[in-house]
């Protein structure tokens, strides 16, 4: 196709498998062949991606950001094609591992236990499902500290004054397992 001009488009992606095809298509020049000048901003997760929706015209994200964006009326979801929960987990540092049994026995996180999570993420949904599995009551407004980056969640787990629990997904999840061992994965 011969193009007299290119139409600019901005397609937001994440560094995950659902963002890969668009990245590769851009790298190989397929968008230009369709007379499109594609810009692909990369977002670490869905929360900042949805927060910056005014900066892009189409995108690829996981299920929770799509649902949240639709619910807030800022995003038209065309389709949801994947479930990323298998690569997400509630993890604990050494102090969290030591306290988990007493939390389960008490059946509550109480007011002092905090879990660092990325808002509107598959990770947040996995944490809620995990706590329900163990019949541990919680209040997201009290027990969840929201951080939109996986680096921030890992930093909180690593900080002696941070939280003992967090929601991580691959590849950041692997760093937690390397640091605190396989017992760090609660579920």
N, C-alpha and C. Protein backbone atom coordinates (compact mmCIF):
# COMPACT_ATOMS: atom_id res chain seq x y z
N UNK A 1 0.85 -1.17 0.00
CA UNK A 1 0.00 0.00 0.00
C UNK A 1 0.90 1.23 0.00
N UNK A 2 0.67 2.12 -0.90
CA UNK A 2 1.42 3.38 -0.99
C UNK A 2 0.70 4.42 -0.15
N UNK A 3 1.43 5.05 0.75
CA UNK A 3 0.83 6.04 1.66
C UNK A 3 1.27 7.44 1.27
N UNK A 4 0.31 8.32 1.12
CA UNK A 4 0.66 9.72 0.88
C UNK A 4 1.00 10.42 2.19
N UNK A 5 0.42 9.91 3.28
CA UNK A 5 0.76 10.42 4.61
C UNK A 5 0.45 9.32 5.63
N UNK A 6 1.00 9.49 6.81
CA UNK A 6 0.78 8.52 7.89
C UNK A 6 -0.18 9.11 8.91
N UNK A 7 -1.10 8.31 9.36
CA UNK A 7 -2.04 8.72 10.41
C UNK A 7 -1.44 8.35 11.76
N UNK A 8 -1.24 9.32 12.66
CA UNK A 8 -0.67 8.98 13.96
C UNK A 8 -1.68 8.24 14.85
N UNK A 9 -1.19 7.20 15.52
CA UNK A 9 -1.97 6.49 16.53
C UNK A 9 -1.06 6.24 17.73
N UNK A 10 -1.66 6.19 18.90
CA UNK A 10 -0.92 5.86 20.11
C UNK A 10 -1.59 4.64 20.72
N UNK A 11 -0.83 3.56 20.81
CA UNK A 11 -1.34 2.30 21.35
C UNK A 11 -0.54 1.94 22.59
N UNK A 12 -1.22 1.96 23.74
CA UNK A 12 -0.52 1.64 24.99
C UNK A 12 -0.38 0.13 25.12
N UNK A 13 0.77 -0.29 25.63
CA UNK A 13 1.02 -1.71 25.84
C UNK A 13 1.72 -1.91 27.18
N UNK A 14 1.81 -3.16 27.58
CA UNK A 14 2.57 -3.55 28.76
C UNK A 14 3.65 -4.54 28.33
N UNK A 15 4.71 -4.66 29.11
CA UNK A 15 5.78 -5.59 28.73
C UNK A 15 5.41 -7.04 29.08
N UNK A 16 4.29 -7.49 28.51
CA UNK A 16 3.81 -8.85 28.72
C UNK A 16 3.46 -9.43 27.36
N UNK A 17 3.05 -10.68 27.36
CA UNK A 17 2.79 -11.34 26.09
C UNK A 17 1.68 -10.69 25.28
N UNK A 18 0.68 -10.07 25.92
CA UNK A 18 -0.37 -9.45 25.11
C UNK A 18 0.09 -8.14 24.48
N UNK A 19 1.17 -7.55 24.95
CA UNK A 19 1.72 -6.35 24.32
C UNK A 19 2.73 -6.67 23.23
N UNK A 20 3.22 -7.90 23.23
CA UNK A 20 4.25 -8.31 22.28
C UNK A 20 3.89 -8.18 20.81
N UNK A 21 2.71 -8.64 20.40
CA UNK A 21 2.39 -8.55 18.96
C UNK A 21 2.41 -7.12 18.43
N UNK A 22 1.88 -6.17 19.19
CA UNK A 22 1.88 -4.78 18.72
C UNK A 22 3.31 -4.24 18.66
N UNK A 23 4.11 -4.55 19.67
CA UNK A 23 5.50 -4.10 19.68
C UNK A 23 6.25 -4.64 18.47
N UNK A 24 6.07 -5.95 18.21
CA UNK A 24 6.75 -6.58 17.08
C UNK A 24 6.26 -6.01 15.75
N UNK A 25 4.95 -5.83 15.63
CA UNK A 25 4.39 -5.27 14.39
C UNK A 25 4.97 -3.89 14.12
N UNK A 26 5.12 -3.09 15.17
CA UNK A 26 5.69 -1.76 15.01
C UNK A 26 7.16 -1.86 14.60
N UNK A 27 7.90 -2.73 15.27
CA UNK A 27 9.33 -2.90 14.98
C UNK A 27 9.55 -3.36 13.53
N UNK A 28 8.66 -4.23 13.04
CA UNK A 28 8.80 -4.75 11.68
C UNK A 28 8.19 -3.84 10.62
N UNK A 29 7.59 -2.73 11.04
CA UNK A 29 7.06 -1.76 10.09
C UNK A 29 5.66 -2.06 9.56
N UNK A 30 4.96 -2.98 10.19
CA UNK A 30 3.62 -3.33 9.69
C UNK A 30 2.63 -2.18 9.81
N UNK A 31 2.72 -1.38 10.86
CA UNK A 31 1.81 -0.24 10.99
C UNK A 31 2.05 0.77 9.87
N UNK A 32 3.31 1.01 9.55
CA UNK A 32 3.65 1.95 8.47
C UNK A 32 3.10 1.45 7.14
N UNK A 33 3.13 0.13 6.94
CA UNK A 33 2.58 -0.44 5.71
C UNK A 33 1.08 -0.17 5.60
N UNK A 34 0.42 0.05 6.74
CA UNK A 34 -1.01 0.37 6.78
C UNK A 34 -1.26 1.87 6.89
N UNK A 35 -0.20 2.65 6.63
CA UNK A 35 -0.26 4.11 6.66
C UNK A 35 -0.51 4.66 8.07
N UNK A 36 0.02 3.96 9.07
CA UNK A 36 -0.12 4.39 10.46
C UNK A 36 1.25 4.70 11.04
N UNK A 37 1.35 5.81 11.74
CA UNK A 37 2.55 6.18 12.47
C UNK A 37 2.28 5.85 13.93
N UNK A 38 2.68 4.67 14.35
CA UNK A 38 2.34 4.17 15.69
C UNK A 38 3.37 4.56 16.73
N UNK A 39 2.87 5.06 17.85
CA UNK A 39 3.67 5.30 19.04
C UNK A 39 3.15 4.33 20.10
N UNK A 40 4.06 3.61 20.75
CA UNK A 40 3.65 2.59 21.71
C UNK A 40 4.24 2.87 23.09
N UNK A 41 3.58 3.70 23.92
CA UNK A 41 4.08 3.88 25.29
C UNK A 41 3.90 2.57 26.06
N UNK A 42 4.91 2.24 26.86
CA UNK A 42 4.89 0.99 27.62
C UNK A 42 4.61 1.32 29.09
N UNK A 43 3.61 0.65 29.65
CA UNK A 43 3.23 0.83 31.05
C UNK A 43 3.56 -0.44 31.83
N UNK A 44 4.08 -0.26 33.04
CA UNK A 44 4.47 -1.40 33.87
C UNK A 44 3.28 -2.25 34.29
N UNK A 45 2.13 -1.63 34.43
CA UNK A 45 0.93 -2.37 34.83
C UNK A 45 -0.31 -1.60 34.38
N UNK A 46 -1.47 -2.20 34.60
CA UNK A 46 -2.71 -1.62 34.13
C UNK A 46 -3.14 -0.36 34.84
N UNK A 47 -2.84 -0.22 36.13
CA UNK A 47 -3.30 0.95 36.87
C UNK A 47 -2.77 2.26 36.27
N UNK A 48 -1.46 2.42 36.08
CA UNK A 48 -1.00 3.66 35.46
C UNK A 48 -1.45 3.80 34.00
N UNK A 49 -1.65 2.68 33.34
CA UNK A 49 -2.11 2.71 31.96
C UNK A 49 -3.52 3.31 31.87
N UNK A 50 -4.42 2.86 32.73
CA UNK A 50 -5.78 3.38 32.73
C UNK A 50 -5.78 4.84 33.22
N UNK A 51 -4.92 5.17 34.19
CA UNK A 51 -4.84 6.55 34.68
C UNK A 51 -4.43 7.53 33.59
N UNK A 52 -3.70 7.06 32.59
CA UNK A 52 -3.24 7.95 31.52
C UNK A 52 -3.98 7.70 30.21
N UNK A 53 -5.22 7.28 30.32
CA UNK A 53 -6.01 6.91 29.13
C UNK A 53 -6.15 8.06 28.14
N UNK A 54 -6.08 9.28 28.60
CA UNK A 54 -6.22 10.42 27.68
C UNK A 54 -5.01 10.55 26.74
N UNK A 55 -3.93 9.83 27.04
CA UNK A 55 -2.71 9.93 26.23
C UNK A 55 -2.63 8.90 25.11
N UNK A 56 -3.59 7.97 25.05
CA UNK A 56 -3.54 6.95 24.00
C UNK A 56 -4.93 6.66 23.45
N UNK A 57 -4.98 6.12 22.23
CA UNK A 57 -6.26 5.88 21.58
C UNK A 57 -6.70 4.42 21.59
N UNK A 58 -5.77 3.50 21.73
CA UNK A 58 -6.09 2.09 21.89
C UNK A 58 -4.96 1.44 22.66
N UNK A 59 -5.24 0.26 23.22
CA UNK A 59 -4.21 -0.37 24.02
C UNK A 59 -4.51 -1.83 24.30
N UNK A 60 -3.54 -2.45 24.94
CA UNK A 60 -3.63 -3.85 25.33
C UNK A 60 -3.28 -3.94 26.81
N UNK A 61 -4.21 -4.49 27.60
CA UNK A 61 -4.00 -4.59 29.05
C UNK A 61 -4.66 -5.86 29.57
N UNK A 62 -4.39 -6.19 30.79
CA UNK A 62 -5.00 -7.35 31.43
C UNK A 62 -6.46 -7.10 31.77
N UNK A 63 -7.10 -8.11 32.30
CA UNK A 63 -8.54 -8.06 32.59
C UNK A 63 -8.94 -6.99 33.59
N UNK A 64 -8.31 -6.90 34.79
CA UNK A 64 -8.76 -5.91 35.77
C UNK A 64 -8.72 -4.46 35.27
N UNK A 65 -7.64 -4.02 34.59
CA UNK A 65 -7.68 -2.64 34.10
C UNK A 65 -8.78 -2.42 33.07
N UNK A 66 -9.05 -3.42 32.26
CA UNK A 66 -10.13 -3.29 31.28
C UNK A 66 -11.47 -3.16 31.98
N UNK A 67 -11.70 -3.97 32.97
CA UNK A 67 -12.97 -3.93 33.70
C UNK A 67 -13.11 -2.60 34.43
N UNK A 68 -12.03 -2.16 35.11
CA UNK A 68 -12.08 -0.91 35.85
C UNK A 68 -12.29 0.28 34.92
N UNK A 69 -11.57 0.30 33.81
CA UNK A 69 -11.73 1.40 32.86
C UNK A 69 -13.14 1.46 32.28
N UNK A 70 -13.72 0.30 32.01
CA UNK A 70 -15.10 0.24 31.52
C UNK A 70 -16.06 0.73 32.60
N UNK A 71 -15.85 0.26 33.84
CA UNK A 71 -16.72 0.63 34.95
C UNK A 71 -16.71 2.14 35.18
N UNK A 72 -15.54 2.77 35.03
CA UNK A 72 -15.43 4.21 35.23
C UNK A 72 -15.89 5.00 34.00
N UNK A 73 -16.23 4.29 32.93
CA UNK A 73 -16.73 4.95 31.73
C UNK A 73 -15.67 5.63 30.90
N UNK A 74 -14.40 5.29 31.11
CA UNK A 74 -13.33 5.93 30.36
C UNK A 74 -12.74 5.02 29.29
N UNK A 75 -13.19 3.78 29.25
CA UNK A 75 -12.57 2.81 28.36
C UNK A 75 -13.64 1.93 27.73
N UNK A 76 -13.55 1.72 26.46
CA UNK A 76 -14.42 0.77 25.77
C UNK A 76 -13.62 -0.51 25.58
N UNK A 77 -14.05 -1.56 26.25
CA UNK A 77 -13.36 -2.83 26.17
C UNK A 77 -13.89 -3.61 24.98
N UNK A 78 -13.00 -4.00 24.09
CA UNK A 78 -13.37 -4.75 22.90
C UNK A 78 -13.39 -6.24 23.20
N UNK A 79 -12.41 -6.70 23.95
CA UNK A 79 -12.37 -8.12 24.27
C UNK A 79 -11.35 -8.40 25.36
N UNK A 80 -11.60 -9.44 26.11
CA UNK A 80 -10.66 -9.89 27.14
C UNK A 80 -10.26 -11.30 26.76
N UNK A 81 -8.96 -11.51 26.61
CA UNK A 81 -8.51 -12.77 26.05
C UNK A 81 -7.62 -13.61 26.95
N UNK A 82 -7.29 -13.12 28.13
CA UNK A 82 -6.34 -13.88 28.92
C UNK A 82 -6.61 -13.75 30.42
N UNK A 83 -6.09 -14.71 31.15
CA UNK A 83 -6.16 -14.71 32.62
C UNK A 83 -4.73 -14.81 33.13
N UNK A 84 -4.24 -13.76 33.76
CA UNK A 84 -2.85 -13.71 34.22
C UNK A 84 -2.69 -14.16 35.67
N UNK A 85 -3.75 -14.66 36.29
CA UNK A 85 -3.68 -14.98 37.71
C UNK A 85 -2.69 -16.08 38.05
N UNK A 86 -2.39 -16.97 37.10
CA UNK A 86 -1.44 -18.06 37.38
C UNK A 86 -0.03 -17.55 37.64
N UNK A 87 0.28 -16.33 37.19
CA UNK A 87 1.62 -15.78 37.40
C UNK A 87 1.62 -14.69 38.48
N UNK A 88 0.55 -14.61 39.26
CA UNK A 88 0.45 -13.62 40.35
C UNK A 88 0.33 -14.35 41.67
N UNK A 89 0.79 -13.71 42.74
CA UNK A 89 0.73 -14.38 44.05
C UNK A 89 0.73 -13.37 45.19
N UNK A 90 0.17 -13.79 46.31
CA UNK A 90 0.36 -13.09 47.57
C UNK A 90 1.65 -13.64 48.14
N UNK A 91 2.61 -12.76 48.38
CA UNK A 91 3.91 -13.18 48.88
C UNK A 91 4.20 -12.51 50.21
N UNK A 92 5.12 -13.12 50.94
CA UNK A 92 5.51 -12.61 52.25
C UNK A 92 7.02 -12.58 52.36
N UNK A 93 7.53 -11.59 53.11
CA UNK A 93 8.95 -11.60 53.44
C UNK A 93 9.13 -12.50 54.67
N UNK A 94 10.31 -12.55 55.23
CA UNK A 94 10.58 -13.47 56.34
C UNK A 94 9.65 -13.23 57.53
N UNK A 95 9.40 -11.97 57.88
CA UNK A 95 8.51 -11.68 59.00
C UNK A 95 7.07 -12.07 58.67
N UNK A 96 6.68 -11.88 57.43
CA UNK A 96 5.34 -12.26 57.01
C UNK A 96 5.15 -13.77 57.04
N UNK A 97 6.17 -14.51 56.60
CA UNK A 97 6.10 -15.97 56.64
C UNK A 97 5.91 -16.42 58.09
N UNK A 98 6.66 -15.81 59.01
CA UNK A 98 6.59 -16.18 60.43
C UNK A 98 5.23 -15.86 61.04
N UNK A 99 4.55 -14.83 60.54
CA UNK A 99 3.28 -14.42 61.15
C UNK A 99 2.04 -14.99 60.46
N UNK A 100 2.20 -15.63 59.30
CA UNK A 100 1.05 -16.07 58.52
C UNK A 100 0.16 -17.05 59.29
N UNK A 101 0.75 -18.03 59.96
CA UNK A 101 -0.05 -19.03 60.69
C UNK A 101 -0.92 -18.37 61.76
N UNK A 102 -0.39 -17.38 62.45
CA UNK A 102 -1.19 -16.71 63.49
C UNK A 102 -2.30 -15.85 62.86
N UNK A 103 -2.07 -15.31 61.70
CA UNK A 103 -3.11 -14.54 61.00
C UNK A 103 -4.25 -15.48 60.60
N UNK A 104 -3.90 -16.63 60.05
CA UNK A 104 -4.92 -17.60 59.66
C UNK A 104 -5.69 -18.09 60.89
N UNK A 105 -4.97 -18.35 61.99
CA UNK A 105 -5.63 -18.80 63.22
C UNK A 105 -6.59 -17.75 63.75
N UNK A 106 -6.22 -16.48 63.66
CA UNK A 106 -7.07 -15.39 64.14
C UNK A 106 -8.24 -15.13 63.17
N UNK A 107 -8.05 -15.50 61.91
CA UNK A 107 -9.10 -15.30 60.92
C UNK A 107 -9.26 -13.86 60.46
N UNK A 108 -8.26 -13.04 60.70
CA UNK A 108 -8.35 -11.63 60.31
C UNK A 108 -6.95 -11.04 60.14
N UNK A 109 -6.87 -10.05 59.27
CA UNK A 109 -5.63 -9.29 59.16
C UNK A 109 -5.53 -8.25 60.27
N UNK A 110 -6.65 -7.93 60.89
CA UNK A 110 -6.65 -6.90 61.92
C UNK A 110 -6.40 -5.54 61.29
N UNK A 111 -6.12 -4.56 62.12
CA UNK A 111 -5.91 -3.20 61.62
C UNK A 111 -4.45 -2.90 61.31
N UNK A 112 -3.53 -3.73 61.83
CA UNK A 112 -2.11 -3.42 61.69
C UNK A 112 -1.42 -4.10 60.51
N UNK A 113 -1.99 -5.18 60.00
CA UNK A 113 -1.35 -5.89 58.90
C UNK A 113 -1.72 -5.23 57.57
N UNK A 114 -0.69 -4.89 56.82
CA UNK A 114 -0.87 -4.23 55.52
C UNK A 114 -0.31 -5.12 54.42
N UNK A 115 -0.97 -5.07 53.27
CA UNK A 115 -0.52 -5.78 52.08
C UNK A 115 -0.34 -4.73 50.99
N UNK A 116 0.85 -4.68 50.39
CA UNK A 116 1.10 -3.73 49.32
C UNK A 116 0.63 -4.35 48.01
N UNK A 117 -0.28 -3.68 47.33
CA UNK A 117 -0.84 -4.20 46.07
C UNK A 117 -0.88 -3.10 45.02
N UNK A 118 -0.88 -3.53 43.77
CA UNK A 118 -1.12 -2.61 42.65
C UNK A 118 -2.63 -2.51 42.47
N UNK A 119 -3.18 -1.29 42.46
CA UNK A 119 -4.64 -1.16 42.36
C UNK A 119 -5.16 -1.63 41.01
N UNK A 120 -6.37 -2.18 41.04
CA UNK A 120 -7.06 -2.62 39.83
C UNK A 120 -6.22 -3.60 39.02
N UNK A 121 -5.52 -4.49 39.69
CA UNK A 121 -4.65 -5.43 39.00
C UNK A 121 -5.11 -6.86 39.24
N UNK A 122 -4.60 -7.75 38.41
CA UNK A 122 -4.83 -9.18 38.63
C UNK A 122 -4.28 -9.55 40.00
N UNK A 123 -3.15 -8.94 40.37
CA UNK A 123 -2.54 -9.21 41.67
C UNK A 123 -3.47 -8.88 42.83
N UNK A 124 -4.20 -7.76 42.73
CA UNK A 124 -5.14 -7.41 43.80
C UNK A 124 -6.25 -8.46 43.88
N UNK A 125 -6.73 -8.91 42.74
CA UNK A 125 -7.77 -9.93 42.74
C UNK A 125 -7.27 -11.25 43.33
N UNK A 126 -6.02 -11.60 43.03
CA UNK A 126 -5.42 -12.83 43.57
C UNK A 126 -5.30 -12.74 45.09
N UNK A 127 -4.91 -11.58 45.62
CA UNK A 127 -4.80 -11.39 47.07
C UNK A 127 -6.16 -11.60 47.72
N UNK A 128 -7.19 -10.97 47.17
CA UNK A 128 -8.53 -11.12 47.74
C UNK A 128 -8.98 -12.57 47.73
N UNK A 129 -8.74 -13.26 46.63
CA UNK A 129 -9.11 -14.68 46.52
C UNK A 129 -8.33 -15.52 47.53
N UNK A 130 -7.06 -15.23 47.70
CA UNK A 130 -6.22 -15.97 48.64
C UNK A 130 -6.71 -15.79 50.08
N UNK A 131 -6.99 -14.55 50.45
CA UNK A 131 -7.45 -14.29 51.82
C UNK A 131 -8.79 -14.99 52.08
N UNK A 132 -9.66 -14.99 51.08
CA UNK A 132 -10.95 -15.68 51.23
C UNK A 132 -10.74 -17.19 51.33
N UNK A 133 -9.78 -17.72 50.59
CA UNK A 133 -9.47 -19.15 50.64
C UNK A 133 -9.10 -19.58 52.06
N UNK A 134 -8.34 -18.74 52.75
CA UNK A 134 -7.91 -19.03 54.12
C UNK A 134 -8.89 -18.50 55.17
N UNK A 135 -10.04 -17.99 54.72
CA UNK A 135 -11.04 -17.41 55.63
C UNK A 135 -10.47 -16.31 56.51
N UNK A 136 -9.62 -15.49 55.92
CA UNK A 136 -9.02 -14.36 56.62
C UNK A 136 -9.80 -13.10 56.22
N UNK A 137 -10.44 -12.47 57.20
CA UNK A 137 -11.19 -11.26 56.89
C UNK A 137 -10.24 -10.08 56.71
N UNK A 138 -10.68 -9.13 55.88
CA UNK A 138 -9.85 -7.97 55.57
C UNK A 138 -10.74 -6.84 55.11
N UNK A 139 -10.19 -5.64 55.17
CA UNK A 139 -10.85 -4.45 54.65
C UNK A 139 -9.84 -3.77 53.75
N UNK A 140 -10.09 -3.74 52.43
CA UNK A 140 -9.12 -3.12 51.52
C UNK A 140 -8.74 -1.69 51.90
N UNK A 141 -9.68 -0.94 52.47
CA UNK A 141 -9.38 0.44 52.85
C UNK A 141 -8.41 0.53 54.02
N UNK A 142 -8.37 -0.51 54.84
CA UNK A 142 -7.47 -0.53 55.99
C UNK A 142 -6.22 -1.36 55.70
N UNK A 143 -6.40 -2.51 55.08
CA UNK A 143 -5.31 -3.48 54.95
C UNK A 143 -4.50 -3.40 53.67
N UNK A 144 -4.96 -2.66 52.66
CA UNK A 144 -4.21 -2.59 51.41
C UNK A 144 -3.52 -1.24 51.29
N UNK A 145 -2.21 -1.28 51.04
CA UNK A 145 -1.44 -0.11 50.66
C UNK A 145 -1.25 -0.19 49.16
N UNK A 146 -1.73 0.81 48.45
CA UNK A 146 -1.68 0.75 46.99
C UNK A 146 -0.41 1.38 46.45
N UNK A 147 0.27 0.64 45.58
CA UNK A 147 1.45 1.11 44.89
C UNK A 147 1.34 0.62 43.45
N UNK A 148 1.44 1.50 42.50
CA UNK A 148 1.16 1.12 41.12
C UNK A 148 2.30 0.42 40.40
N UNK A 149 3.43 0.22 41.07
CA UNK A 149 4.53 -0.46 40.40
C UNK A 149 4.96 -1.70 41.16
N UNK A 150 5.38 -2.69 40.41
CA UNK A 150 5.89 -3.91 41.04
C UNK A 150 7.19 -3.63 41.80
N UNK A 151 8.00 -2.71 41.29
CA UNK A 151 9.22 -2.33 42.00
C UNK A 151 8.87 -1.74 43.37
N UNK A 152 7.80 -0.96 43.44
CA UNK A 152 7.36 -0.39 44.71
C UNK A 152 6.87 -1.45 45.69
N UNK A 153 6.16 -2.45 45.18
CA UNK A 153 5.69 -3.54 46.04
C UNK A 153 6.89 -4.31 46.59
N UNK A 154 7.84 -4.65 45.72
CA UNK A 154 9.03 -5.38 46.16
C UNK A 154 9.86 -4.55 47.14
N UNK A 155 9.96 -3.25 46.91
CA UNK A 155 10.70 -2.37 47.83
C UNK A 155 10.04 -2.36 49.20
N UNK A 156 8.72 -2.35 49.25
CA UNK A 156 8.00 -2.37 50.52
C UNK A 156 8.29 -3.66 51.29
N UNK A 157 8.34 -4.77 50.57
CA UNK A 157 8.64 -6.06 51.20
C UNK A 157 10.08 -6.11 51.72
N UNK A 158 10.98 -5.42 51.03
CA UNK A 158 12.40 -5.44 51.38
C UNK A 158 12.77 -4.44 52.46
N UNK A 159 11.94 -3.44 52.67
CA UNK A 159 12.20 -2.38 53.64
C UNK A 159 11.84 -2.86 55.04
N UNK A 160 12.77 -2.75 56.02
CA UNK A 160 12.45 -3.18 57.38
C UNK A 160 11.23 -2.46 57.97
N UNK A 161 10.91 -1.27 57.46
CA UNK A 161 9.76 -0.52 57.93
C UNK A 161 8.57 -0.63 56.96
N UNK A 162 8.71 -1.47 55.95
CA UNK A 162 7.66 -1.65 54.95
C UNK A 162 6.66 -2.71 55.39
N UNK A 163 5.88 -3.17 54.45
CA UNK A 163 4.86 -4.20 54.73
C UNK A 163 5.47 -5.59 54.56
N UNK A 164 4.91 -6.54 55.31
CA UNK A 164 5.41 -7.91 55.27
C UNK A 164 4.76 -8.74 54.17
N UNK A 165 3.72 -8.22 53.54
CA UNK A 165 3.01 -8.94 52.49
C UNK A 165 2.84 -8.04 51.27
N UNK A 166 2.81 -8.68 50.10
CA UNK A 166 2.61 -7.92 48.88
C UNK A 166 2.09 -8.81 47.76
N UNK A 167 1.58 -8.16 46.74
CA UNK A 167 1.07 -8.85 45.57
C UNK A 167 2.08 -8.67 44.44
N UNK A 168 2.62 -9.77 43.98
CA UNK A 168 3.61 -9.72 42.90
C UNK A 168 3.23 -10.66 41.77
N UNK A 169 3.74 -10.36 40.58
CA UNK A 169 3.57 -11.26 39.45
C UNK A 169 4.89 -11.35 38.71
N UNK A 170 4.96 -12.33 37.82
CA UNK A 170 6.19 -12.57 37.08
C UNK A 170 6.54 -11.34 36.25
N UNK A 171 7.81 -11.00 36.15
CA UNK A 171 8.99 -11.66 36.68
C UNK A 171 9.39 -11.21 38.09
N UNK A 172 8.73 -10.16 38.63
CA UNK A 172 9.10 -9.66 39.96
C UNK A 172 8.88 -10.73 41.03
N UNK A 173 7.89 -11.57 40.84
CA UNK A 173 7.62 -12.66 41.77
C UNK A 173 8.85 -13.53 41.97
N UNK A 174 9.61 -13.76 40.90
CA UNK A 174 10.80 -14.60 41.00
C UNK A 174 11.83 -14.00 41.95
N UNK A 175 11.94 -12.67 41.97
CA UNK A 175 12.89 -12.01 42.88
C UNK A 175 12.52 -12.28 44.33
N UNK A 176 11.23 -12.27 44.65
CA UNK A 176 10.80 -12.55 46.02
C UNK A 176 11.13 -13.99 46.41
N UNK A 177 10.90 -14.91 45.50
CA UNK A 177 11.19 -16.32 45.80
C UNK A 177 12.69 -16.52 45.97
N UNK A 178 13.50 -15.84 45.16
CA UNK A 178 14.96 -15.93 45.32
C UNK A 178 15.40 -15.36 46.65
N UNK A 179 14.75 -14.30 47.12
CA UNK A 179 15.14 -13.63 48.36
C UNK A 179 14.64 -14.38 49.59
N UNK A 180 13.37 -14.77 49.62
CA UNK A 180 12.77 -15.35 50.82
C UNK A 180 12.42 -16.83 50.71
N UNK A 181 12.70 -17.44 49.57
CA UNK A 181 12.48 -18.86 49.38
C UNK A 181 11.05 -19.18 48.93
N UNK A 182 10.82 -20.44 48.59
CA UNK A 182 9.51 -20.84 48.06
C UNK A 182 8.37 -20.68 49.07
N UNK A 183 8.69 -20.69 50.37
CA UNK A 183 7.64 -20.49 51.38
C UNK A 183 7.09 -19.08 51.37
N UNK A 184 7.75 -18.17 50.64
CA UNK A 184 7.27 -16.78 50.57
C UNK A 184 5.97 -16.67 49.77
N UNK A 185 5.68 -17.66 48.94
CA UNK A 185 4.45 -17.63 48.15
C UNK A 185 3.32 -18.22 49.01
N UNK A 186 2.43 -17.35 49.47
CA UNK A 186 1.30 -17.79 50.30
C UNK A 186 0.28 -18.49 49.41
N UNK A 187 -0.11 -17.85 48.35
CA UNK A 187 -0.95 -18.47 47.30
C UNK A 187 -1.10 -17.50 46.16
